[in-house]
Amino acid sequence: MKAEEQDLLKRYFPEASVTMVGEVYSQRRFKLHFKRPRNSKLGDFRTPRTKNGICTITLNYDLNPYQMLITYLHEVAHYDVYQQYGSRKVQPHGTEWQKQFAILLQPFMVVSIFPKDILDALQKHLQHIKASSTADQNLQRVLKQYDKNVTAAVTVESLPDGARFTLKNGLVFQKGEKQRTRYKCYCESNGRWYFMAALAEAQMI
């Protein structure tokens, strides 16, 4: 990996993990992009649009380094499963993905990369892996302590039912009922429904 590429990774990942993050990337063939924050996801994996195209992984650039690393490995696990099974029917977060995510994460599970409280939360997370780290509220609460400019922000889960609120993107929502770990919210700005993470930061109107 080129020096400028390593410098870029140092901006987003825990410094002690950069060499390993680069190795994970160099051993595979996909595009990696850092995107503006998206309320519905922290990152994603996209299959090629053409027969000879390559896969793409995108990550929200505002994630703290530990959340960034976990999300990166989450998406790389999708890449590995896709390379092994192609378009054959396997569940997006089924046993194949869960096994590969755990394999990828294991070498990073050291105190030189993750603080102990995150390591403890990750150990519990790996015992019952969820489709997204945001669905594991215990892990997410620990990770949020390492966000930049940590404040006592209002979260979607703390709002009363039916409350109107806005997110950082300026869209106006109305809080609906809880569906498992997320809240079904109506967007007054575009007339669509969204599933909001319980810990998503919001501003009540």
Protein backbone atom coordinates (compact mmCIF):
# COMPACT_ATOMS: atom_id res chain seq x y z
CA MET A 1 0.00 0.00 0.00
CA LYS A 2 1.30 3.44 -0.95
CA ALA A 3 2.34 5.95 1.72
CA GLU A 4 -0.47 8.34 0.79
CA GLU A 5 -3.00 5.51 1.11
CA GLN A 6 -1.70 4.68 4.58
CA ASP A 7 -1.93 8.35 5.55
CA LEU A 8 -5.57 8.33 4.42
CA LEU A 9 -6.34 5.26 6.53
CA LYS A 10 -4.73 6.91 9.57
CA ARG A 11 -7.37 9.64 9.32
CA TYR A 12 -10.19 7.15 9.79
CA PHE A 13 -8.96 4.03 11.63
CA PRO A 14 -7.19 3.38 14.95
CA GLU A 15 -3.52 3.96 14.21
CA ALA A 16 -2.47 0.55 15.52
CA SER A 17 -4.84 -1.12 13.05
CA VAL A 18 -3.78 0.72 9.88
CA THR A 19 -1.25 -1.86 8.64
CA MET A 20 -3.75 -4.71 9.11
CA VAL A 21 -6.57 -2.69 7.53
CA GLY A 22 -4.30 -2.12 4.53
CA GLU A 23 -3.47 -5.82 4.31
CA VAL A 24 -7.16 -6.76 4.35
CA TYR A 25 -7.67 -4.32 1.46
CA SER A 26 -4.58 -5.37 -0.52
CA GLN A 27 -5.55 -9.05 -0.39
CA ARG A 28 -8.87 -8.29 -2.11
CA ARG A 29 -10.16 -6.38 -5.09
CA PHE A 30 -12.75 -3.74 -4.27
CA LYS A 31 -13.14 0.02 -4.32
CA LEU A 32 -13.22 1.77 -0.95
CA HIS A 33 -14.98 5.12 -0.63
CA PHE A 34 -15.63 7.37 2.36
CA LYS A 35 -19.04 9.02 2.02
CA ARG A 36 -20.93 11.85 3.65
CA PRO A 37 -22.98 10.70 6.68
CA ARG A 38 -26.11 8.70 5.90
CA ASN A 39 -28.82 8.35 8.54
CA SER A 40 -29.96 4.90 7.44
CA LYS A 41 -26.56 3.16 7.41
CA LEU A 42 -22.94 3.40 8.50
CA GLY A 43 -21.60 1.73 5.38
CA ASP A 44 -22.53 -0.69 2.64
CA PHE A 45 -21.28 -3.32 0.22
CA ARG A 46 -22.24 -3.16 -3.44
CA THR A 47 -21.81 -5.88 -6.02
CA PRO A 48 -20.45 -5.00 -9.50
CA ARG A 49 -22.83 -3.33 -11.92
CA THR A 50 -21.20 -5.01 -14.91
CA LYS A 51 -19.81 -8.47 -15.54
CA ASN A 52 -16.19 -7.34 -15.35
CA GLY A 53 -16.74 -4.65 -12.75
CA ILE A 54 -15.47 -4.75 -9.17
CA CYS A 55 -17.23 -4.52 -5.83
CA THR A 56 -17.50 -1.33 -3.82
CA ILE A 57 -17.47 -0.70 -0.08
CA THR A 58 -18.57 2.69 1.24
CA LEU A 59 -18.17 4.00 4.79
CA ASN A 60 -19.54 7.15 6.43
CA TYR A 61 -16.56 9.44 6.95
CA ASP A 62 -17.81 10.83 10.29
CA LEU A 63 -17.57 7.52 12.22
CA ASN A 64 -15.20 7.39 15.16
CA PRO A 65 -12.12 5.16 14.49
CA TYR A 66 -13.47 2.14 16.39
CA GLN A 67 -16.90 2.27 14.76
CA MET A 68 -15.15 2.74 11.40
CA LEU A 69 -13.04 -0.39 11.88
CA ILE A 70 -16.00 -2.54 12.93
CA THR A 71 -18.10 -1.27 10.01
CA TYR A 72 -15.23 -1.83 7.57
CA LEU A 73 -14.81 -5.46 8.64
CA HIS A 74 -18.60 -5.92 8.55
CA GLU A 75 -18.64 -4.89 4.87
CA VAL A 76 -15.50 -6.85 3.98
CA ALA A 77 -17.23 -9.94 5.36
CA HIS A 78 -20.02 -9.30 2.83
CA TYR A 79 -17.38 -9.08 0.10
CA ASP A 80 -15.80 -12.39 1.15
CA VAL A 81 -19.16 -14.17 1.26
CA TYR A 82 -20.02 -12.79 -2.18
CA GLN A 83 -16.69 -14.01 -3.57
CA GLN A 84 -17.32 -17.49 -2.19
CA TYR A 85 -21.01 -17.89 -2.99
CA GLY A 86 -21.61 -15.37 -5.76
CA SER A 87 -25.26 -14.71 -6.44
CA ARG A 88 -26.37 -17.99 -4.89
CA LYS A 89 -29.00 -17.61 -2.23
CA VAL A 90 -27.41 -17.07 1.16
CA GLN A 91 -28.90 -14.83 3.84
CA PRO A 92 -27.23 -11.38 3.90
CA HIS A 93 -26.36 -11.80 7.58
CA GLY A 94 -26.71 -15.56 7.82
CA THR A 95 -24.28 -18.09 9.24
CA GLU A 96 -21.84 -17.67 6.34
CA TRP A 97 -21.51 -13.93 6.95
CA GLN A 98 -21.46 -14.28 10.75
CA LYS A 99 -18.61 -16.78 10.59
CA GLN A 100 -16.57 -14.61 8.21
CA PHE A 101 -17.15 -11.43 10.22
CA ALA A 102 -15.92 -13.18 13.38
CA ILE A 103 -12.83 -14.47 11.52
CA LEU A 104 -11.99 -11.00 10.22
CA LEU A 105 -12.55 -9.29 13.55
CA GLN A 106 -10.54 -11.71 15.69
CA PRO A 107 -6.99 -10.46 14.83
CA PHE A 108 -8.07 -6.91 15.72
CA MET A 109 -9.39 -7.91 19.15
CA VAL A 110 -6.41 -6.58 21.11
CA VAL A 111 -6.05 -3.73 23.61
CA SER A 112 -3.57 -1.93 21.38
CA ILE A 113 -6.43 -1.36 18.91
CA PHE A 114 -9.66 -1.32 20.95
CA PRO A 115 -10.14 0.10 24.48
CA LYS A 116 -11.09 -2.55 27.03
CA ASP A 117 -14.73 -1.46 27.32
CA ILE A 118 -15.19 -1.86 23.56
CA LEU A 119 -13.40 -5.21 23.62
CA ASP A 120 -15.75 -6.45 26.33
CA ALA A 121 -18.80 -5.28 24.35
CA LEU A 122 -17.43 -6.87 21.17
CA GLN A 123 -16.90 -10.20 22.91
CA LYS A 124 -20.59 -10.22 23.88
CA HIS A 125 -21.53 -9.06 20.38
CA LEU A 126 -19.72 -12.00 18.80
CA GLN A 127 -21.71 -14.44 20.92
CA HIS A 128 -24.94 -13.20 19.31
CA ILE A 129 -23.95 -11.36 16.14
CA LYS A 130 -26.62 -9.00 14.83
CA ALA A 131 -27.11 -7.74 11.28
CA SER A 132 -25.65 -4.36 12.26
CA SER A 133 -23.56 -3.11 15.14
CA THR A 134 -26.22 -0.40 15.57
CA ALA A 135 -28.74 -3.13 16.41
CA ASP A 136 -26.60 -4.11 19.38
CA GLN A 137 -27.51 -1.26 21.70
CA ASN A 138 -25.00 -2.26 24.38
CA LEU A 139 -22.14 -2.12 21.88
CA GLN A 140 -23.46 1.07 20.34
CA ARG A 141 -23.69 2.87 23.67
CA VAL A 142 -20.05 2.02 24.39
CA LEU A 143 -18.91 3.10 20.92
CA LYS A 144 -20.76 6.42 21.11
CA GLN A 145 -18.61 7.44 24.07
CA TYR A 146 -15.73 7.76 21.60
CA ASP A 147 -17.56 10.00 19.13
CA LYS A 148 -16.09 13.44 18.50
CA ASN A 149 -17.67 16.27 20.46
CA VAL A 150 -19.64 13.92 22.71
CA THR A 151 -22.70 15.69 24.10
CA ALA A 152 -25.82 14.67 25.94
CA ALA A 153 -27.63 14.45 22.61
CA VAL A 154 -31.32 13.64 22.35
CA THR A 155 -31.85 10.24 20.76
CA VAL A 156 -34.85 8.87 18.87
CA GLU A 157 -35.59 6.36 21.62
CA SER A 158 -35.80 9.15 24.23
CA LEU A 159 -38.48 11.06 22.29
CA PRO A 160 -42.15 10.57 23.23
CA ASP A 161 -44.34 8.60 20.83
CA GLY A 162 -45.61 10.74 17.98
CA ALA A 163 -42.97 13.43 18.54
CA ARG A 164 -41.83 15.50 15.57
CA PHE A 165 -38.09 15.80 15.14
CA THR A 166 -35.32 16.57 12.69
CA LEU A 167 -31.99 14.90 11.94
CA LYS A 168 -28.72 16.43 10.77
CA ASN A 169 -29.95 16.32 7.18
CA GLY A 170 -32.80 18.72 8.01
CA LEU A 171 -35.63 16.30 7.17
CA VAL A 172 -38.66 16.37 9.49
CA PHE A 173 -39.93 13.10 10.96
CA GLN A 174 -42.66 11.84 13.24
CA LYS A 175 -41.74 9.06 15.65
CA GLY A 176 -43.72 5.85 15.23
CA GLU A 177 -43.82 2.51 16.99
CA LYS A 178 -40.79 0.40 17.80
CA GLN A 179 -40.09 -2.51 15.46
CA ARG A 180 -37.65 -4.83 17.24
CA THR A 181 -34.59 -2.57 17.70
CA ARG A 182 -35.59 0.35 15.44
CA TYR A 183 -38.40 2.88 15.29
CA LYS A 184 -40.65 3.23 12.27
CA CYS A 185 -40.76 6.96 11.57
CA TYR A 186 -42.74 8.92 8.99
CA CYS A 187 -40.80 11.56 7.05
CA GLU A 188 -43.01 14.61 6.57
CA SER A 189 -40.49 16.06 4.16
CA ASN A 190 -40.85 13.40 1.47
CA GLY A 191 -43.78 11.21 2.56
CA ARG A 192 -41.68 8.08 3.09
CA TRP A 193 -41.23 5.72 6.04
CA TYR A 194 -37.85 5.04 7.61
CA PHE A 195 -36.55 2.67 10.29
CA MET A 196 -34.49 4.75 12.71
CA ALA A 197 -31.82 3.42 15.04
CA ALA A 198 -32.79 3.91 18.68
CA LEU A 199 -29.59 5.87 19.36
CA ALA A 200 -29.80 8.13 16.30
CA GLU A 201 -29.30 11.74 17.36
CA ALA A 202 -32.37 13.92 16.88
CA GLN A 203 -33.64 17.42 17.59
CA MET A 204 -37.23 17.66 18.79
CA ILE A 205 -39.45 20.25 17.12
